[in-house]
N, C-alpha and C. Protein backbone atom coordinates (compact mmCIF):
# COMPACT_ATOMS: atom_id res chain seq x y z
N MET A 1 92.41 137.27 27.16
CA MET A 1 93.75 137.10 28.88
C MET A 1 94.91 138.10 27.75
N PRO A 2 95.35 138.65 28.80
CA PRO A 2 95.89 139.54 29.12
C PRO A 2 97.36 139.30 28.35
N SER A 3 97.93 138.23 28.14
CA SER A 3 98.44 137.70 27.69
C SER A 3 98.99 137.60 26.27
N GLY A 4 97.88 137.51 25.78
CA GLY A 4 97.14 136.98 24.69
C GLY A 4 98.22 135.75 23.85
N ARG A 5 98.01 134.79 25.14
CA ARG A 5 98.41 133.53 24.73
C ARG A 5 97.74 132.71 25.93
N LEU A 6 97.05 131.55 25.06
CA LEU A 6 96.15 130.60 25.86
C LEU A 6 97.38 129.84 26.61
N SER A 7 96.85 129.60 27.47
CA SER A 7 97.17 128.79 28.84
C SER A 7 96.96 126.99 28.58
N SER A 8 97.64 126.17 28.55
CA SER A 8 97.02 124.97 28.08
C SER A 8 96.79 124.11 29.45
N THR A 9 97.03 124.91 30.39
CA THR A 9 96.29 124.53 31.82
C THR A 9 94.76 125.65 32.22
N ALA A 10 94.42 126.04 31.19
CA ALA A 10 93.47 126.55 31.24
C ALA A 10 92.17 125.94 31.70
N PRO A 11 91.52 125.81 33.16
CA PRO A 11 90.26 125.09 33.14
C PRO A 11 88.46 125.76 32.07
N SER A 12 88.28 124.72 31.70
CA SER A 12 87.34 124.58 30.98
C SER A 12 86.57 125.75 31.47
N ASN A 13 85.84 125.78 32.30
CA ASN A 13 84.78 126.78 32.99
C ASN A 13 85.44 128.75 32.83
N ASP A 14 86.62 128.50 32.56
CA ASP A 14 87.26 130.14 32.57
C ASP A 14 85.97 131.21 31.27
N PRO A 15 85.75 131.78 31.05
CA PRO A 15 84.63 132.52 30.74
C PRO A 15 85.45 133.05 28.90
N GLU A 16 86.90 133.41 29.75
CA GLU A 16 87.96 134.21 28.72
C GLU A 16 88.48 133.29 28.18
N PHE A 17 88.65 131.92 28.32
CA PHE A 17 89.48 130.85 27.43
C PHE A 17 88.50 130.67 26.79
N GLU A 18 86.77 130.08 26.98
CA GLU A 18 86.05 129.91 26.13
C GLU A 18 85.88 130.56 24.63
N ALA A 19 86.08 131.74 25.33
CA ALA A 19 85.42 133.01 24.30
C ALA A 19 86.56 132.78 23.32
N ALA A 20 87.83 132.69 23.74
CA ALA A 20 89.14 132.48 22.87
C ALA A 20 88.79 131.23 21.89
N LEU A 21 88.38 130.34 22.67
CA LEU A 21 88.14 128.87 21.54
C LEU A 21 87.45 129.06 20.36
N LYS A 22 86.32 130.01 20.78
CA LYS A 22 85.11 130.20 20.15
C LYS A 22 85.55 130.59 18.57
N GLU A 23 86.08 131.67 19.12
CA GLU A 23 86.75 132.80 18.08
C GLU A 23 87.64 131.90 17.52
N VAL A 24 88.35 130.96 17.70
CA VAL A 24 89.33 130.11 16.98
C VAL A 24 88.42 129.10 16.28
N LEU A 25 87.71 129.01 16.44
CA LEU A 25 86.67 127.88 16.10
C LEU A 25 86.36 128.49 14.61
N GLN A 26 85.56 129.94 15.09
CA GLN A 26 85.08 130.35 13.66
C GLN A 26 86.10 130.89 12.87
N VAL A 27 86.80 131.05 13.02
CA VAL A 27 88.01 131.44 11.77
C VAL A 27 88.39 130.28 11.21
N VAL A 28 88.27 129.26 11.95
CA VAL A 28 88.96 127.99 11.28
C VAL A 28 87.30 127.70 10.30
N PHE A 29 86.29 127.68 10.76
CA PHE A 29 85.06 127.61 10.18
C PHE A 29 84.95 128.05 9.00
N LYS A 30 84.95 129.30 9.19
CA LYS A 30 84.35 130.08 8.08
C LYS A 30 85.65 130.33 6.63
N ASN A 31 86.95 130.26 7.31
CA ASN A 31 88.27 130.58 6.27
C ASN A 31 88.46 129.45 5.92
N HIS A 32 88.88 128.00 6.47
CA HIS A 32 89.52 126.75 6.24
C HIS A 32 88.26 126.14 6.44
N PRO A 33 86.84 125.77 5.20
CA PRO A 33 86.13 124.73 5.56
C PRO A 33 86.93 123.17 5.65
N LEU A 34 86.28 122.73 6.84
CA LEU A 34 87.60 120.98 6.84
C LEU A 34 86.25 119.86 6.99
N LYS A 35 86.89 119.22 5.92
CA LYS A 35 85.89 117.73 6.34
C LYS A 35 85.93 117.40 7.56
N ALA A 36 84.95 116.27 8.18
CA ALA A 36 85.46 115.75 9.52
C ALA A 36 86.30 115.11 9.69
N ASN A 37 86.91 114.15 9.02
CA ASN A 37 88.23 113.57 8.89
C ASN A 37 89.32 114.65 9.29
N GLN A 38 88.98 115.43 8.83
CA GLN A 38 90.41 116.90 8.84
C GLN A 38 90.31 117.76 10.08
N ILE A 39 88.67 117.71 10.60
CA ILE A 39 88.31 118.06 11.94
C ILE A 39 89.22 117.34 13.41
N LEU A 40 89.04 115.77 13.41
CA LEU A 40 89.42 115.21 14.00
C LEU A 40 90.89 114.87 13.87
N THR A 41 91.69 115.14 12.93
CA THR A 41 93.09 115.15 12.34
C THR A 41 93.46 116.75 13.53
N LEU A 42 92.96 117.75 13.17
CA LEU A 42 93.29 118.99 13.93
C LEU A 42 93.10 118.89 15.17
N SER A 43 91.58 118.22 15.73
CA SER A 43 91.69 118.02 17.32
C SER A 43 92.86 117.58 17.90
N SER A 44 93.13 116.36 17.44
CA SER A 44 94.39 115.41 17.73
C SER A 44 95.98 116.52 18.18
N GLU A 45 95.60 117.12 16.69
CA GLU A 45 97.24 117.86 16.57
C GLU A 45 96.95 118.82 18.03
N LEU A 46 95.85 119.42 18.20
CA LEU A 46 95.77 120.71 19.47
C LEU A 46 95.93 119.91 20.27
N GLN A 47 95.70 118.50 20.94
CA GLN A 47 95.34 117.90 21.42
C GLN A 47 97.12 117.40 22.74
N ARG A 48 97.83 117.14 20.98
CA ARG A 48 99.25 116.41 21.42
C ARG A 48 99.98 117.86 21.52
N VAL A 49 99.59 118.99 20.97
CA VAL A 49 100.42 119.93 21.12
C VAL A 49 100.29 120.49 22.47
N GLY A 50 98.88 120.81 23.25
CA GLY A 50 98.77 121.40 24.35
C GLY A 50 99.75 120.30 25.79
N VAL A 51 99.13 119.04 25.32
CA VAL A 51 100.29 118.08 26.09
C VAL A 51 101.65 118.43 26.46
N HIS A 52 101.95 118.40 25.01
CA HIS A 52 103.83 118.86 24.91
C HIS A 52 104.10 120.19 25.53
N ARG A 53 103.21 121.33 25.40
CA ARG A 53 103.82 122.25 25.98
C ARG A 53 103.34 122.11 27.87
N LEU A 54 102.24 121.46 28.26
CA LEU A 54 101.97 121.12 29.79
C LEU A 54 103.33 120.26 30.19
N VAL A 55 103.80 119.45 29.09
CA VAL A 55 105.00 118.50 29.74
C VAL A 55 106.34 119.68 29.75
N GLU A 56 106.16 120.57 29.28
CA GLU A 56 107.12 121.34 28.97
C GLU A 56 107.48 122.53 30.24
N GLU A 57 106.67 122.83 30.48
CA GLU A 57 106.08 123.80 31.49
C GLU A 57 106.74 122.92 32.79
N HIS A 58 105.93 121.74 33.08
CA HIS A 58 105.96 121.17 33.99
C HIS A 58 107.84 120.91 34.42
N LEU A 59 108.43 120.35 33.28
CA LEU A 59 109.90 120.12 32.93
C LEU A 59 110.71 121.56 33.72
N GLU A 60 110.08 122.64 33.18
CA GLU A 60 110.72 124.27 33.77
C GLU A 60 110.63 124.46 34.81
N LYS A 61 108.92 124.01 35.45
CA LYS A 61 109.12 124.19 36.94
C LYS A 61 109.90 123.59 38.18
N PHE A 62 110.06 122.21 37.59
CA PHE A 62 111.05 121.53 38.12
C PHE A 62 112.37 121.34 38.40
N GLU A 63 112.75 121.98 36.40
CA GLU A 63 114.18 122.04 36.66
C GLU A 63 114.50 123.83 37.76
N LYS A 64 113.48 124.59 37.59
CA LYS A 64 113.98 125.73 38.65
C LYS A 64 113.75 125.78 39.90
N ARG A 65 112.70 124.26 40.36
CA ARG A 65 113.23 124.04 42.09
C ARG A 65 114.63 123.63 42.03
N GLY A 66 115.82 122.89 40.89
CA GLY A 66 116.06 122.09 41.29
C GLY A 66 117.68 123.24 41.66
N ARG A 67 117.46 124.34 41.19
CA ARG A 67 118.56 125.34 41.42
C ARG A 67 118.40 125.42 42.70
């Protein structure tokens, strides 16, 4: 991704997004071996952060339209 930032709204069929996710997973698995419950916790937290970011983006768009 040119911006260096993963979009919270990137479609799952985006090859660049999928490649970036695979790289992140490789780093996590190689450098930080996690147990099953830790992986579930990480997944939950990443989803929470993604949803939070998505809500923030929508609020920003709404505020810009209101000006």
